[in-house]
Amino acid sequence: MYKDGPLHQGLRKQLVNQLREKGITDEKVLQAILAVPRHYFFDSAFDRIAYEDRAFPIAAGQTISQPYTVAYQTQLLQVTKSSKILEIGTGSGYQCTILAEMGARVFTIERQKILFDQLQQSYPFKKQYPGTKFFYGDGFEGLPTFAPFDRVIITAAAPFTPPKLIDQMKPGGIMVIPRDEGESQRMLRITKQADGSVIEESFDLFSFVPMLSGKNR
């Protein structure tokens, strides 16, 4: 049974204040982080540290991203209530829940079977966000059956921009992607033009686990 008491709500308020101080200005993003209990994605023994602004390890050698990273990517994505979003790398499910809280329809792919199965069995927001759809698959392939998408967000370090994901974006669509191999990646915002070409904007450096092809059982 999940509980979200005054202590957790107070810790979230502190976290949101920290994110404001670090430069997050989109109030819709901040309100979503304030609303979503991040400790639901942790073992109950760690519910206090869930609101520290840092990443934590989860199963399959993956991480639940630092709240600042989640907020930063989400702010760049320019989410609206009508956004149809493809997420590559479900992980813990925290990022897709933030997007769903903002009113988006989220289609999220996870290649790690253990993480996908955990979410199928125990995702705590199934009733709250019924429009969120989970898929076990290869993120480089995307979800052509459900395309086109208004937004694409990649939550792993991509060695290159996957062309199939560009193809699955609507004209005017936006992709946020941490790109390049190595210890750190440049966050990019890629906007697809009406003729199929793209415009890239470059932002800060971050560190992500690598984006890998195929499915891992």
C-alpha atoms as a PDB file:
ATOM      1  CA  MET A   1       0.000   0.000   0.000  1.00  0.00           C
ATOM      2  CA  TYR A   2       1.426   3.367  -1.052  1.00  0.00           C
ATOM      3  CA  LYS A   3       1.148   6.333   1.290  1.00  0.00           C
ATOM      4  CA  ASP A   4       1.788   9.960   0.457  1.00  0.00           C
ATOM      5  CA  GLY A   5       1.773  11.890   3.700  1.00  0.00           C
ATOM      6  CA  PRO A   6       2.680  15.427   4.786  1.00  0.00           C
ATOM      7  CA  LEU A   7       6.362  14.484   5.108  1.00  0.00           C
ATOM      8  CA  HIS A   8       6.586  13.337   1.495  1.00  0.00           C
ATOM      9  CA  GLN A   9       4.641  16.360   0.252  1.00  0.00           C
ATOM     10  CA  GLY A  10       6.946  18.674   2.170  1.00  0.00           C
ATOM     11  CA  LEU A  11      10.014  16.977   0.718  1.00  0.00           C
ATOM     12  CA  ARG A  12       8.583  17.416  -2.792  1.00  0.00           C
ATOM     13  CA  LYS A  13       8.068  21.121  -2.149  1.00  0.00           C
ATOM     14  CA  GLN A  14      11.712  21.395  -1.118  1.00  0.00           C
ATOM     15  CA  LEU A  15      12.745  19.530  -4.267  1.00  0.00           C
ATOM     16  CA  VAL A  16      10.691  21.835  -6.486  1.00  0.00           C
ATOM     17  CA  ASN A  17      12.329  24.848  -4.840  1.00  0.00           C
ATOM     18  CA  GLN A  18      15.761  23.359  -5.588  1.00  0.00           C
ATOM     19  CA  LEU A  19      14.790  22.827  -9.223  1.00  0.00           C
ATOM     20  CA  ARG A  20      13.671  26.456  -9.497  1.00  0.00           C
ATOM     21  CA  GLU A  21      17.022  27.559  -8.092  1.00  0.00           C
ATOM     22  CA  LYS A  22      18.779  25.414 -10.705  1.00  0.00           C
ATOM     23  CA  GLY A  23      16.939  27.164 -13.536  1.00  0.00           C
ATOM     24  CA  ILE A  24      13.781  25.176 -14.223  1.00  0.00           C
ATOM     25  CA  THR A  25      11.174  27.811 -15.114  1.00  0.00           C
ATOM     26  CA  ASP A  26       8.278  25.859 -16.660  1.00  0.00           C
ATOM     27  CA  GLU A  27       5.606  25.899 -13.962  1.00  0.00           C
ATOM     28  CA  LYS A  28       3.736  23.003 -15.578  1.00  0.00           C
ATOM     29  CA  VAL A  29       6.835  20.843 -15.185  1.00  0.00           C
ATOM     30  CA  LEU A  30       7.355  21.939 -11.587  1.00  0.00           C
ATOM     31  CA  GLN A  31       3.721  21.317 -10.702  1.00  0.00           C
ATOM     32  CA  ALA A  32       3.919  17.803 -12.172  1.00  0.00           C
ATOM     33  CA  ILE A  33       6.996  17.023 -10.067  1.00  0.00           C
ATOM     34  CA  LEU A  34       5.184  18.412  -7.050  1.00  0.00           C
ATOM     35  CA  ALA A  35       2.197  16.169  -7.776  1.00  0.00           C
ATOM     36  CA  VAL A  36       3.930  12.837  -8.504  1.00  0.00           C
ATOM     37  CA  PRO A  37       5.125  10.884  -5.439  1.00  0.00           C
ATOM     38  CA  ARG A  38       8.659   9.886  -6.484  1.00  0.00           C
ATOM     39  CA  HIS A  39       8.975   7.621  -3.442  1.00  0.00           C
ATOM     40  CA  TYR A  40       6.416   5.280  -5.034  1.00  0.00           C
ATOM     41  CA  PHE A  41       9.214   4.202  -7.374  1.00  0.00           C
ATOM     42  CA  PHE A  42      11.487   3.165  -4.490  1.00  0.00           C
ATOM     43  CA  ASP A  43      11.496   0.480  -1.859  1.00  0.00           C
ATOM     44  CA  SER A  44       9.670   1.862   1.196  1.00  0.00           C
ATOM     45  CA  ALA A  45      12.918   1.827   3.177  1.00  0.00           C
ATOM     46  CA  PHE A  46      14.239   4.607   0.961  1.00  0.00           C
ATOM     47  CA  ASP A  47      11.209   6.890   0.807  1.00  0.00           C
ATOM     48  CA  ARG A  48      13.010   9.821   2.460  1.00  0.00           C
ATOM     49  CA  ILE A  49      15.992   9.836   0.120  1.00  0.00           C
ATOM     50  CA  ALA A  50      13.660   9.601  -2.887  1.00  0.00           C
ATOM     51  CA  TYR A  51      13.455  13.409  -2.890  1.00  0.00           C
ATOM     52  CA  GLU A  52      17.173  14.057  -3.011  1.00  0.00           C
ATOM     53  CA  ASP A  53      18.124  15.568  -6.342  1.00  0.00           C
ATOM     54  CA  ARG A  54      20.214  12.665  -7.566  1.00  0.00           C
ATOM     55  CA  ALA A  55      19.914   9.491  -9.597  1.00  0.00           C
ATOM     56  CA  PHE A  56      19.542   6.105  -7.940  1.00  0.00           C
ATOM     57  CA  PRO A  57      20.258   2.604  -9.251  1.00  0.00           C
ATOM     58  CA  ILE A  58      17.369   0.323 -10.159  1.00  0.00           C
ATOM     59  CA  ALA A  59      17.277  -3.197 -11.597  1.00  0.00           C
ATOM     60  CA  ALA A  60      19.163  -4.333 -14.728  1.00  0.00           C
ATOM     61  CA  GLY A  61      22.006  -1.836 -14.208  1.00  0.00           C
ATOM     62  CA  GLN A  62      19.719   1.122 -14.967  1.00  0.00           C
ATOM     63  CA  THR A  63      18.889   4.240 -12.945  1.00  0.00           C
ATOM     64  CA  ILE A  64      15.954   6.400 -11.967  1.00  0.00           C
ATOM     65  CA  SER A  65      17.090   9.749 -13.307  1.00  0.00           C
ATOM     66  CA  GLN A  66      17.950  12.752 -11.188  1.00  0.00           C
ATOM     67  CA  PRO A  67      14.857  14.962 -10.786  1.00  0.00           C
ATOM     68  CA  TYR A  68      16.735  17.896 -12.320  1.00  0.00           C
ATOM     69  CA  THR A  69      17.456  15.804 -15.427  1.00  0.00           C
ATOM     70  CA  VAL A  70      13.794  14.773 -15.680  1.00  0.00           C
ATOM     71  CA  ALA A  71      12.680  18.379 -15.295  1.00  0.00           C
ATOM     72  CA  TYR A  72      15.278  19.641 -17.792  1.00  0.00           C
ATOM     73  CA  GLN A  73      14.312  17.164 -20.513  1.00  0.00           C
ATOM     74  CA  THR A  74      10.607  17.723 -19.916  1.00  0.00           C
ATOM     75  CA  GLN A  75      11.004  21.498 -20.118  1.00  0.00           C
ATOM     76  CA  LEU A  76      12.846  21.197 -23.451  1.00  0.00           C
ATOM     77  CA  LEU A  77      10.101  18.906 -24.762  1.00  0.00           C
ATOM     78  CA  GLN A  78       7.441  21.660 -24.554  1.00  0.00           C
ATOM     79  CA  VAL A  79       4.652  19.304 -23.482  1.00  0.00           C
ATOM     80  CA  THR A  80       1.004  20.221 -23.978  1.00  0.00           C
ATOM     81  CA  LYS A  81      -2.122  18.439 -22.797  1.00  0.00           C
ATOM     82  CA  SER A  82      -2.716  17.164 -26.308  1.00  0.00           C
ATOM     83  CA  SER A  83       0.836  15.841 -26.810  1.00  0.00           C
ATOM     84  CA  LYS A  84       1.237  12.283 -28.053  1.00  0.00           C
ATOM     85  CA  ILE A  85       4.667  11.276 -26.775  1.00  0.00           C
ATOM     86  CA  LEU A  86       6.998   8.388 -27.550  1.00  0.00           C
ATOM     87  CA  GLU A  87       9.416   7.686 -24.698  1.00  0.00           C
ATOM     88  CA  ILE A  88      12.483   5.509 -25.259  1.00  0.00           C
ATOM     89  CA  GLY A  89      13.670   3.927 -22.009  1.00  0.00           C
ATOM     90  CA  THR A  90      10.847   3.519 -19.501  1.00  0.00           C
ATOM     91  CA  GLY A  91      13.171   2.572 -16.653  1.00  0.00           C
ATOM     92  CA  SER A  92      11.381   3.053 -13.340  1.00  0.00           C
ATOM     93  CA  GLY A  93       8.397   4.753 -14.997  1.00  0.00           C
ATOM     94  CA  TYR A  94       8.984   8.070 -13.239  1.00  0.00           C
ATOM     95  CA  GLN A  95       9.608  10.175 -16.365  1.00  0.00           C
ATOM     96  CA  CYS A  96       6.552   8.856 -18.204  1.00  0.00           C
ATOM     97  CA  THR A  97       4.439   9.530 -15.110  1.00  0.00           C
ATOM     98  CA  ILE A  98       5.557  13.168 -15.072  1.00  0.00           C
ATOM     99  CA  LEU A  99       4.521  13.444 -18.728  1.00  0.00           C
ATOM    100  CA  ALA A 100       1.178  11.777 -18.028  1.00  0.00           C
ATOM    101  CA  GLU A 101       0.556  14.128 -15.096  1.00  0.00           C
ATOM    102  CA  MET A 102       0.985  16.995 -17.569  1.00  0.00           C
ATOM    103  CA  GLY A 103      -1.862  15.569 -19.641  1.00  0.00           C
ATOM    104  CA  ALA A 104       0.136  13.842 -22.382  1.00  0.00           C
ATOM    105  CA  ARG A 105      -0.603  10.440 -23.912  1.00  0.00           C
ATOM    106  CA  VAL A 106       2.583   8.459 -23.439  1.00  0.00           C
ATOM    107  CA  PHE A 107       3.768   5.409 -25.376  1.00  0.00           C
ATOM    108  CA  THR A 108       6.898   4.140 -23.649  1.00  0.00           C
ATOM    109  CA  ILE A 109       9.373   1.401 -24.669  1.00  0.00           C
ATOM    110  CA  GLU A 110      11.651  -0.579 -22.343  1.00  0.00           C
ATOM    111  CA  ARG A 111      14.208  -3.098 -23.623  1.00  0.00           C
ATOM    112  CA  GLN A 112      14.992  -4.635 -20.216  1.00  0.00           C
ATOM    113  CA  LYS A 113      12.464  -7.419 -19.649  1.00  0.00           C
ATOM    114  CA  ILE A 114      12.839  -7.311 -15.859  1.00  0.00           C
ATOM    115  CA  LEU A 115      11.915  -3.604 -15.765  1.00  0.00           C
ATOM    116  CA  PHE A 116       9.052  -4.042 -18.206  1.00  0.00           C
ATOM    117  CA  ASP A 117       7.649  -6.923 -16.140  1.00  0.00           C
ATOM    118  CA  GLN A 118       7.942  -4.954 -12.905  1.00  0.00           C
ATOM    119  CA  LEU A 119       5.917  -2.107 -14.377  1.00  0.00           C
ATOM    120  CA  GLN A 120       3.299  -4.486 -15.759  1.00  0.00           C
ATOM    121  CA  GLN A 121       2.869  -5.987 -12.304  1.00  0.00           C
ATOM    122  CA  SER A 122       3.194  -3.016  -9.985  1.00  0.00           C
ATOM    123  CA  TYR A 123       2.998   0.359 -11.766  1.00  0.00           C
ATOM    124  CA  PRO A 124       1.225   2.446  -9.093  1.00  0.00           C
ATOM    125  CA  PHE A 125      -0.629   4.811 -11.466  1.00  0.00           C
ATOM    126  CA  LYS A 126      -2.486   2.447 -13.831  1.00  0.00           C
ATOM    127  CA  LYS A 127      -5.890   3.809 -12.861  1.00  0.00           C
ATOM    128  CA  GLN A 128      -4.751   7.414 -12.628  1.00  0.00           C
ATOM    129  CA  TYR A 129      -3.135   7.532 -16.101  1.00  0.00           C
ATOM    130  CA  PRO A 130      -4.893   4.887 -18.226  1.00  0.00           C
ATOM    131  CA  GLY A 131      -3.647   6.538 -21.415  1.00  0.00           C
ATOM    132  CA  THR A 132      -0.043   5.516 -20.687  1.00  0.00           C
ATOM    133  CA  LYS A 133       0.936   2.461 -22.756  1.00  0.00           C
ATOM    134  CA  PHE A 134       3.957   0.257 -21.985  1.00  0.00           C
ATOM    135  CA  PHE A 135       5.864  -1.762 -24.603  1.00  0.00           C
ATOM    136  CA  TYR A 136       8.729  -4.245 -24.449  1.00  0.00           C
ATOM    137  CA  GLY A 137      10.918  -3.632 -27.462  1.00  0.00           C
ATOM    138  CA  ASP A 138      13.851  -1.995 -29.214  1.00  0.00           C
ATOM    139  CA  GLY A 139      13.890   1.769 -28.793  1.00  0.00           C
ATOM    140  CA  PHE A 140      15.793   2.282 -32.052  1.00  0.00           C
ATOM    141  CA  GLU A 141      12.784   0.841 -33.890  1.00  0.00           C
ATOM    142  CA  GLY A 142      10.208   3.023 -32.123  1.00  0.00           C
ATOM    143  CA  LEU A 143       6.508   2.212 -32.515  1.00  0.00           C
ATOM    144  CA  PRO A 144       5.613   2.675 -36.192  1.00  0.00           C
ATOM    145  CA  THR A 145       2.142   1.215 -35.647  1.00  0.00           C
ATOM    146  CA  PHE A 146       1.272   4.108 -33.318  1.00  0.00           C
ATOM    147  CA  ALA A 147       3.088   6.890 -35.191  1.00  0.00           C
ATOM    148  CA  PRO A 148       3.156   9.761 -35.831  1.00  0.00           C
ATOM    149  CA  PHE A 149       4.122  11.369 -32.520  1.00  0.00           C
ATOM    150  CA  ASP A 150       4.152  15.012 -31.462  1.00  0.00           C
ATOM    151  CA  ARG A 151       7.120  14.461 -29.169  1.00  0.00           C
ATOM    152  CA  VAL A 152       9.911  11.922 -28.681  1.00  0.00           C
ATOM    153  CA  ILE A 153      12.000  11.750 -25.516  1.00  0.00           C
ATOM    154  CA  ILE A 154      15.035   9.495 -25.176  1.00  0.00           C
ATOM    155  CA  THR A 155      16.230   8.768 -21.640  1.00  0.00           C
ATOM    156  CA  ALA A 156      19.475   6.974 -22.490  1.00  0.00           C
ATOM    157  CA  ALA A 157      22.708   8.041 -24.162  1.00  0.00           C
ATOM    158  CA  ALA A 158      22.166   7.624 -27.902  1.00  0.00           C
ATOM    159  CA  PRO A 159      25.265   7.105 -30.076  1.00  0.00           C
ATOM    160  CA  PHE A 160      23.397   8.790 -32.953  1.00  0.00           C
ATOM    161  CA  THR A 161      19.953  10.171 -33.709  1.00  0.00           C
ATOM    162  CA  PRO A 162      17.819   7.125 -34.647  1.00  0.00           C
ATOM    163  CA  PRO A 163      16.443   7.829 -38.159  1.00  0.00           C
ATOM    164  CA  LYS A 164      13.356   5.666 -37.613  1.00  0.00           C
ATOM    165  CA  LEU A 165      12.369   7.873 -34.671  1.00  0.00           C
ATOM    166  CA  ILE A 166      12.690  10.995 -36.802  1.00  0.00           C
ATOM    167  CA  ASP A 167      10.460   9.303 -39.381  1.00  0.00           C
ATOM    168  CA  GLN A 168       7.848   8.638 -36.679  1.00  0.00           C
ATOM    169  CA  MET A 169       7.600  12.322 -35.697  1.00  0.00           C
ATOM    170  CA  LYS A 170       4.969  14.688 -37.061  1.00  0.00           C
ATOM    171  CA  PRO A 171       6.113  17.809 -38.948  1.00  0.00           C
ATOM    172  CA  GLY A 172       6.729  20.353 -36.206  1.00  0.00           C
ATOM    173  CA  GLY A 173       7.434  17.534 -33.764  1.00  0.00           C
ATOM    174  CA  ILE A 174      10.184  17.768 -31.153  1.00  0.00           C
ATOM    175  CA  MET A 175      12.708  15.188 -29.995  1.00  0.00           C
ATOM    176  CA  VAL A 176      14.826  15.599 -26.847  1.00  0.00           C
ATOM    177  CA  ILE A 177      17.858  13.327 -26.897  1.00  0.00           C
ATOM    178  CA  PRO A 178      21.142  13.045 -24.949  1.00  0.00           C
ATOM    179  CA  ARG A 179      23.556  12.184 -27.769  1.00  0.00           C
ATOM    180  CA  ASP A 180      27.097  10.843 -28.049  1.00  0.00           C
ATOM    181  CA  GLU A 181      29.050   8.076 -26.407  1.00  0.00           C
ATOM    182  CA  GLY A 182      31.441   8.482 -23.484  1.00  0.00           C
ATOM    183  CA  GLU A 183      31.049   9.786 -19.959  1.00  0.00           C
ATOM    184  CA  SER A 184      28.792  12.704 -20.854  1.00  0.00           C
ATOM    185  CA  GLN A 185      26.283  13.573 -23.543  1.00  0.00           C
ATOM    186  CA  ARG A 186      25.059  16.820 -25.039  1.00  0.00           C
ATOM    187  CA  MET A 187      21.327  17.362 -24.633  1.00  0.00           C
ATOM    188  CA  LEU A 188      19.783  18.176 -27.980  1.00  0.00           C
ATOM    189  CA  ARG A 189      16.372  19.381 -29.038  1.00  0.00           C
ATOM    190  CA  ILE A 190      15.570  18.340 -32.594  1.00  0.00           C
ATOM    191  CA  THR A 191      12.621  19.902 -34.409  1.00  0.00           C
ATOM    192  CA  LYS A 192      11.297  18.261 -37.573  1.00  0.00           C
ATOM    193  CA  GLN A 193      10.439  20.591 -40.420  1.00  0.00           C
ATOM    194  CA  ALA A 194       7.592  20.239 -42.924  1.00  0.00           C
ATOM    195  CA  ASP A 195      10.001  18.969 -45.603  1.00  0.00           C
ATOM    196  CA  GLY A 196      11.381  16.254 -43.293  1.00  0.00           C
ATOM    197  CA  SER A 197      14.622  18.057 -42.482  1.00  0.00           C
ATOM    198  CA  VAL A 198      15.552  18.815 -38.877  1.00  0.00           C
ATOM    199  CA  ILE A 199      16.863  21.712 -36.823  1.00  0.00           C
ATOM    200  CA  GLU A 200      19.148  20.858 -33.890  1.00  0.00           C
ATOM    201  CA  GLU A 201      19.564  22.976 -30.771  1.00  0.00           C
ATOM    202  CA  SER A 202      22.356  22.154 -28.338  1.00  0.00           C
ATOM    203  CA  PHE A 203      22.084  22.481 -24.553  1.00  0.00           C
ATOM    204  CA  ASP A 204      23.907  21.267 -21.430  1.00  0.00           C
ATOM    205  CA  LEU A 205      25.938  18.134 -20.770  1.00  0.00           C
ATOM    206  CA  PHE A 206      24.473  15.207 -18.826  1.00  0.00           C
ATOM    207  CA  SER A 207      25.425  11.608 -18.062  1.00  0.00           C
ATOM    208  CA  PHE A 208      23.110   8.726 -19.019  1.00  0.00           C
ATOM    209  CA  VAL A 209      23.321   4.951 -19.262  1.00  0.00           C
ATOM    210  CA  PRO A 210      23.845   3.911 -22.901  1.00  0.00           C
ATOM    211  CA  MET A 211      21.006   3.339 -25.330  1.00  0.00           C
ATOM    212  CA  LEU A 212      21.349  -0.180 -26.704  1.00  0.00           C
ATOM    213  CA  SER A 213      19.658  -1.938 -29.604  1.00  0.00           C
ATOM    214  CA  GLY A 214      17.597  -5.088 -29.373  1.00  0.00           C
ATOM    215  CA  LYS A 215      15.711  -6.527 -26.398  1.00  0.00           C
ATOM    216  CA  ASN A 216      17.298  -7.926 -23.241  1.00  0.00           C
ATOM    217  CA  ARG A 217      15.654 -10.859 -21.528  1.00  0.00           C
END
